[in-house]
């Protein structure tokens, strides 16, 4: 006789039936889409309510990176896949150094493509990854729609014990606060259009939170100038063209002058920008950026250049 596997009842708004979508299987295609879209429109408001807590997480992560430590994302299923995507896109967009952001996904790389049975229930696996990879002073951000995923909670508890700062993103405002969590970021997205399908509103909210979080951290770390991506890695023709356009927009200089500046700076957009905005030579521009930890505005201030 087959022994039934252990089951757990998850009491979360994301698991409840949505009264607005009970007839979704009787709707025409356009009505289905409009109904789902109506639910999706509730997400930004839920995210907005969590911004004060997210702001604290940004400051915690920035402090960790400024101190030479790392930021860890921990998730399972949709949460882990979204975290992996966010971290992967930071390298070409902001040219982040290797190791700034580390992703821990229950089940490992295989789970990015398909479900790995039991991976999210393995509390010990989450703890083991933190013992291996986290250090005192790091910042660890866990993500779970239910607020109870054992893999994530195990990782946060272990990281906290090691001396890392910890935060949890959850779509369940009713979830009990587990040990080892310094900050809870609760986003109440309510019941899904399809009950329990947390890749929908819960996933959308986590995607917004992650991109908002990491973008804010990049801004605070000096990876932008104004709203321009001045730290991007120009690895193809399109991105090289974007670098040139950004330099022209930031400095007001012409195409030929910007091209010459980029060549002189060996493709370093920040160095070329400080050179053109301040009038100093390439070597002094590079020195000012080193002294200001890569912040363009701080480098310009150091050189006495007044740019608004």
Protein backbone atom coordinates (compact mmCIF):
# COMPACT_ATOMS: atom_id res chain seq x y z
CA UNK A 1 0.00 0.00 0.00
CA UNK A 2 1.31 3.45 -0.89
CA UNK A 3 1.85 5.71 2.10
CA UNK A 4 0.44 9.21 1.52
CA UNK A 5 3.03 11.95 1.52
CA UNK A 6 2.85 14.52 4.29
CA UNK A 7 0.62 17.49 3.51
CA UNK A 8 0.48 20.96 5.03
CA UNK A 9 -2.48 23.31 5.14
CA UNK A 10 -1.32 26.81 4.21
CA UNK A 11 -3.58 29.52 5.62
CA UNK A 12 -2.78 32.43 3.34
CA UNK A 13 -4.92 34.87 1.33
CA UNK A 14 -3.16 33.60 -1.80
CA UNK A 15 -4.71 30.15 -1.25
CA UNK A 16 -8.30 31.34 -0.82
CA UNK A 17 -10.95 31.41 -3.52
CA UNK A 18 -11.43 34.75 -5.20
CA UNK A 19 -15.13 35.71 -5.27
CA UNK A 20 -14.55 37.90 -8.32
CA UNK A 21 -13.31 35.03 -10.49
CA UNK A 22 -15.60 32.11 -9.59
CA UNK A 23 -17.19 32.15 -13.04
CA UNK A 24 -13.92 32.53 -14.97
CA UNK A 25 -14.35 29.13 -16.63
CA UNK A 26 -17.64 30.30 -18.14
CA UNK A 27 -16.29 33.52 -19.60
CA UNK A 28 -15.31 34.25 -23.17
CA UNK A 29 -11.65 34.80 -23.91
CA UNK A 30 -11.79 38.59 -23.68
CA UNK A 31 -13.69 38.43 -20.38
CA UNK A 32 -11.07 36.05 -18.95
CA UNK A 33 -8.32 38.46 -19.90
CA UNK A 34 -10.16 41.49 -18.53
CA UNK A 35 -10.83 39.69 -15.26
CA UNK A 36 -7.20 38.72 -14.79
CA UNK A 37 -6.11 42.23 -15.75
CA UNK A 38 -8.47 43.72 -13.16
CA UNK A 39 -6.83 41.58 -10.49
CA UNK A 40 -3.36 42.57 -11.70
CA UNK A 41 -4.25 46.24 -11.29
CA UNK A 42 -4.51 45.68 -7.52
CA UNK A 43 -0.81 44.81 -7.26
CA UNK A 44 0.82 48.28 -7.46
CA UNK A 45 -1.34 49.53 -4.59
CA UNK A 46 -0.30 46.56 -2.45
CA UNK A 47 3.35 47.19 -3.28
CA UNK A 48 3.02 50.90 -2.47
CA UNK A 49 1.85 50.04 1.05
CA UNK A 50 5.07 48.08 1.64
CA UNK A 51 7.50 50.77 0.44
CA UNK A 52 8.49 51.99 3.95
CA UNK A 53 9.66 48.46 4.80
CA UNK A 54 11.30 48.05 1.39
CA UNK A 55 13.18 51.30 1.99
CA UNK A 56 14.74 49.79 5.12
CA UNK A 57 15.77 46.72 3.11
CA UNK A 58 17.45 48.93 0.48
CA UNK A 59 19.43 50.72 3.19
CA UNK A 60 20.42 47.42 4.80
CA UNK A 61 21.63 46.04 1.47
CA UNK A 62 23.50 49.22 0.60
CA UNK A 63 25.25 49.19 3.96
CA UNK A 64 26.29 45.58 3.36
CA UNK A 65 27.74 46.30 -0.09
CA UNK A 66 29.51 49.45 1.07
CA UNK A 67 31.14 47.37 3.79
CA UNK A 68 32.50 44.87 1.29
CA UNK A 69 29.80 42.27 1.97
CA UNK A 70 27.18 40.63 -0.25
CA UNK A 71 23.44 40.54 -0.90
CA UNK A 72 21.76 37.13 -1.04
CA UNK A 73 18.37 36.29 -2.57
CA UNK A 74 16.67 33.13 -1.27
CA UNK A 75 13.53 31.68 -2.84
CA UNK A 76 11.71 28.61 -4.12
CA UNK A 77 9.56 28.10 -7.20
CA UNK A 78 8.35 31.35 -8.78
CA UNK A 79 10.07 33.43 -6.09
CA UNK A 80 13.43 31.78 -6.74
CA UNK A 81 13.10 32.13 -10.51
CA UNK A 82 12.24 35.83 -10.23
CA UNK A 83 15.19 36.38 -7.88
CA UNK A 84 17.50 34.61 -10.33
CA UNK A 85 16.28 36.79 -13.18
CA UNK A 86 16.72 40.00 -11.19
CA UNK A 87 20.27 39.17 -10.15
CA UNK A 88 21.25 38.05 -13.66
CA UNK A 89 20.11 41.32 -15.22
CA UNK A 90 22.15 43.47 -12.85
CA UNK A 91 25.43 42.49 -14.52
CA UNK A 92 24.76 43.84 -18.04
CA UNK A 93 22.69 46.77 -16.75
CA UNK A 94 24.96 48.00 -13.95
CA UNK A 95 28.16 46.00 -14.42
CA UNK A 96 28.00 44.82 -10.81
CA UNK A 97 31.13 43.10 -9.52
CA UNK A 98 31.07 39.32 -9.23
CA UNK A 99 29.62 38.25 -5.91
CA UNK A 100 27.66 41.38 -5.06
CA UNK A 101 24.38 39.48 -5.52
CA UNK A 102 24.13 35.74 -4.84
CA UNK A 103 20.98 33.70 -5.55
CA UNK A 104 19.93 30.59 -3.64
CA UNK A 105 17.08 28.72 -5.35
CA UNK A 106 15.56 25.63 -3.77
CA UNK A 107 16.45 22.66 -5.95
CA UNK A 108 19.34 24.42 -7.67
CA UNK A 109 19.64 25.17 -11.42
CA UNK A 110 17.33 22.29 -12.40
CA UNK A 111 14.47 23.98 -10.52
CA UNK A 112 14.70 27.00 -12.81
CA UNK A 113 13.19 24.91 -15.62
CA UNK A 114 11.03 22.39 -13.78
CA UNK A 115 9.67 21.65 -10.32
CA UNK A 116 12.00 19.70 -8.02
CA UNK A 117 9.91 17.60 -5.65
CA UNK A 118 10.32 18.50 -1.99
CA UNK A 119 12.98 21.17 -2.57
CA UNK A 120 11.03 24.01 -0.98
CA UNK A 121 10.27 21.88 2.10
CA UNK A 122 13.95 21.25 2.82
CA UNK A 123 14.71 23.62 5.70
CA UNK A 124 18.11 22.01 6.26
CA UNK A 125 19.17 22.64 2.65
CA UNK A 126 18.46 26.35 3.02
CA UNK A 127 20.45 26.48 6.24
CA UNK A 128 23.34 24.56 4.68
CA UNK A 129 23.60 27.04 1.80
CA UNK A 130 23.86 29.93 4.23
CA UNK A 131 26.53 28.15 6.27
CA UNK A 132 28.49 27.70 3.07
CA UNK A 133 28.00 31.10 1.44
CA UNK A 134 26.92 33.80 3.91
CA UNK A 135 29.18 35.82 6.19
CA UNK A 136 28.68 38.30 9.04
CA UNK A 137 27.71 41.66 7.55
CA UNK A 138 25.91 40.21 4.51
CA UNK A 139 22.26 40.99 3.76
CA UNK A 140 19.90 38.09 3.01
CA UNK A 141 16.50 38.70 1.38
CA UNK A 142 14.07 35.78 1.41
CA UNK A 143 10.99 35.62 -0.80
CA UNK A 144 7.94 33.44 -0.24
CA UNK A 145 4.30 33.99 -1.16
CA UNK A 146 3.02 31.97 1.79
CA UNK A 147 5.46 33.39 4.35
CA UNK A 148 6.26 29.86 5.54
CA UNK A 149 8.45 28.13 2.93
CA UNK A 150 10.83 25.96 5.03
CA UNK A 151 13.80 26.29 2.65
CA UNK A 152 13.62 30.09 2.86
CA UNK A 153 12.98 30.30 6.61
CA UNK A 154 15.77 27.82 7.32
CA UNK A 155 18.17 29.95 5.29
CA UNK A 156 17.17 33.17 7.05
CA UNK A 157 17.47 31.68 10.52
CA UNK A 158 20.93 30.29 9.77
CA UNK A 159 22.14 33.52 8.15
CA UNK A 160 20.89 35.54 11.11
CA UNK A 161 22.78 33.27 13.48
CA UNK A 162 25.95 33.78 11.44
CA UNK A 163 25.60 37.56 11.75
CA UNK A 164 23.93 38.59 8.49
CA UNK A 165 21.03 41.04 8.35
CA UNK A 166 17.84 39.38 7.14
CA UNK A 167 14.51 40.35 5.59
CA UNK A 168 11.53 38.41 4.26
CA UNK A 169 9.16 39.35 1.43
CA UNK A 170 5.80 37.68 1.97
CA UNK A 171 2.35 37.89 0.38
CA UNK A 172 0.72 36.57 3.54
CA UNK A 173 0.08 39.30 6.12
CA UNK A 174 -1.26 36.65 8.52
CA UNK A 175 1.94 34.57 8.57
CA UNK A 176 3.64 34.21 11.94
CA UNK A 177 7.01 35.93 12.14
CA UNK A 178 9.64 33.22 12.12
CA UNK A 179 12.85 33.43 14.17
CA UNK A 180 15.89 35.04 12.59
CA UNK A 181 14.11 37.70 10.54
CA UNK A 182 15.07 41.33 11.14
CA UNK A 183 12.53 42.84 8.74
CA UNK A 184 9.26 41.62 7.22
CA UNK A 185 8.04 43.16 3.96
CA UNK A 186 4.41 42.10 3.70
CA UNK A 187 2.57 42.65 0.41
CA UNK A 188 -1.11 41.75 0.69
CA UNK A 189 -2.10 40.86 -2.87
CA UNK A 190 -5.11 38.82 -1.71
CA UNK A 191 -6.57 35.74 -3.40
CA UNK A 192 -5.33 34.89 -6.88
CA UNK A 193 -7.55 34.79 -9.95
CA UNK A 194 -6.90 31.05 -9.90
CA UNK A 195 -6.73 29.99 -6.25
CA UNK A 196 -3.20 29.24 -5.11
CA UNK A 197 -1.55 30.22 -8.42
CA UNK A 198 1.01 32.50 -6.82
CA UNK A 199 2.86 33.03 -10.09
CA UNK A 200 0.10 35.56 -10.78
CA UNK A 201 -0.46 38.55 -8.44
CA UNK A 202 1.98 37.38 -5.77
CA UNK A 203 4.65 36.79 -8.41
CA UNK A 204 3.95 40.12 -10.10
CA UNK A 205 4.29 41.90 -6.77
CA UNK A 206 7.59 40.16 -6.05
CA UNK A 207 8.90 41.06 -9.51
CA UNK A 208 8.05 44.73 -8.89
CA UNK A 209 9.60 44.61 -5.42
CA UNK A 210 12.81 42.99 -6.66
CA UNK A 211 13.39 45.39 -9.55
CA UNK A 212 12.53 48.37 -7.33
CA UNK A 213 14.80 47.10 -4.56
CA UNK A 214 17.82 46.32 -6.75
CA UNK A 215 17.45 49.51 -8.81
CA UNK A 216 17.35 51.64 -5.65
CA UNK A 217 20.44 49.84 -4.33
CA UNK A 218 22.25 50.50 -7.61
CA UNK A 219 21.35 54.20 -7.46
CA UNK A 220 22.65 54.46 -3.91
CA UNK A 221 25.82 52.60 -4.89
CA UNK A 222 26.58 55.18 -7.61
CA UNK A 223 25.83 52.95 -10.56
CA UNK A 224 23.73 55.73 -12.16
CA UNK A 225 24.15 59.43 -12.90
CA UNK A 226 20.79 61.19 -12.78
CA UNK A 227 18.54 58.54 -14.35
CA UNK A 228 21.19 57.28 -16.76
CA UNK A 229 22.80 53.82 -16.71
CA UNK A 230 26.41 54.98 -16.55
CA UNK A 231 27.78 51.68 -15.24
CA UNK A 232 26.39 49.45 -17.99
CA UNK A 233 28.62 46.92 -19.73
CA UNK A 234 28.71 47.67 -23.46
CA UNK A 235 29.09 44.14 -24.79
CA UNK A 236 27.44 44.54 -28.19
CA UNK A 237 26.80 47.13 -30.90
CA UNK A 238 23.44 48.18 -29.45
CA UNK A 239 24.90 48.79 -26.01
CA UNK A 240 27.91 50.65 -27.42
CA UNK A 241 25.47 52.91 -29.23
CA UNK A 242 23.54 53.38 -25.98
CA UNK A 243 26.76 54.34 -24.16
CA UNK A 244 27.42 57.03 -26.74
CA UNK A 245 23.85 58.32 -26.52
CA UNK A 246 24.00 58.44 -22.70
CA UNK A 247 27.26 60.38 -22.83
CA UNK A 248 25.79 62.89 -25.27
CA UNK A 249 22.66 63.32 -23.14
CA UNK A 250 24.62 63.78 -19.92
CA UNK A 251 27.22 66.20 -21.27
CA UNK A 252 25.58 67.98 -24.19
CA UNK A 253 28.69 67.29 -26.25
CA UNK A 254 28.61 66.28 -29.89
CA UNK A 255 28.97 62.84 -31.40
CA UNK A 256 32.59 63.27 -32.41
CA UNK A 257 33.70 64.68 -29.05
CA UNK A 258 31.89 61.92 -27.12
CA UNK A 259 33.36 59.21 -29.34
CA UNK A 260 36.85 60.56 -28.78
CA UNK A 261 36.28 60.73 -25.01
CA UNK A 262 35.07 57.14 -24.87
CA UNK A 263 38.09 55.96 -26.87
CA UNK A 264 40.46 57.87 -24.60
CA UNK A 265 38.74 56.36 -21.54
CA UNK A 266 39.03 52.84 -23.04
CA UNK A 267 35.25 52.57 -23.14
CA UNK A 268 34.71 53.58 -19.49
CA UNK A 269 31.54 55.67 -19.69
CA UNK A 270 31.93 57.20 -16.21
CA UNK A 271 35.51 58.33 -16.84
CA UNK A 272 34.53 59.85 -20.18
CA UNK A 273 31.58 61.60 -18.54
CA UNK A 274 33.58 63.11 -15.67
CA UNK A 275 36.26 64.17 -18.16
CA UNK A 276 33.77 66.02 -20.37
CA UNK A 277 31.70 67.53 -17.54
CA UNK A 278 34.67 68.77 -15.49
CA UNK A 279 37.22 69.54 -18.16
CA UNK A 280 39.99 67.56 -16.45
CA UNK A 281 42.05 65.02 -18.33
CA UNK A 282 41.20 61.31 -18.45
CA UNK A 283 43.70 60.34 -15.75
CA UNK A 284 42.38 62.90 -13.25
CA UNK A 285 38.79 61.91 -14.04
CA UNK A 286 39.63 58.27 -13.28
CA UNK A 287 41.34 59.31 -10.02
CA UNK A 288 38.30 61.32 -8.89
CA UNK A 289 36.00 58.36 -9.54
CA UNK A 290 38.26 56.05 -7.55
CA UNK A 291 38.29 58.50 -4.65
CA UNK A 292 34.49 58.80 -4.74
CA UNK A 293 33.80 55.04 -4.93
CA UNK A 294 32.52 55.38 -8.49
CA UNK A 295 29.87 58.06 -7.84
CA UNK A 296 29.86 60.50 -10.76
CA UNK A 297 28.30 63.37 -8.80
CA UNK A 298 30.75 62.94 -5.93
CA UNK A 299 33.66 62.83 -8.36
CA UNK A 300 32.49 66.05 -9.99
CA UNK A 301 32.16 67.66 -6.57
CA UNK A 302 35.67 66.56 -5.69
CA UNK A 303 36.92 68.26 -8.84
CA UNK A 304 34.95 71.43 -8.10
CA UNK A 305 32.68 71.00 -11.11
CA UNK A 306 29.16 72.37 -10.62
CA UNK A 307 26.71 70.26 -12.61
CA UNK A 308 22.96 70.24 -12.09
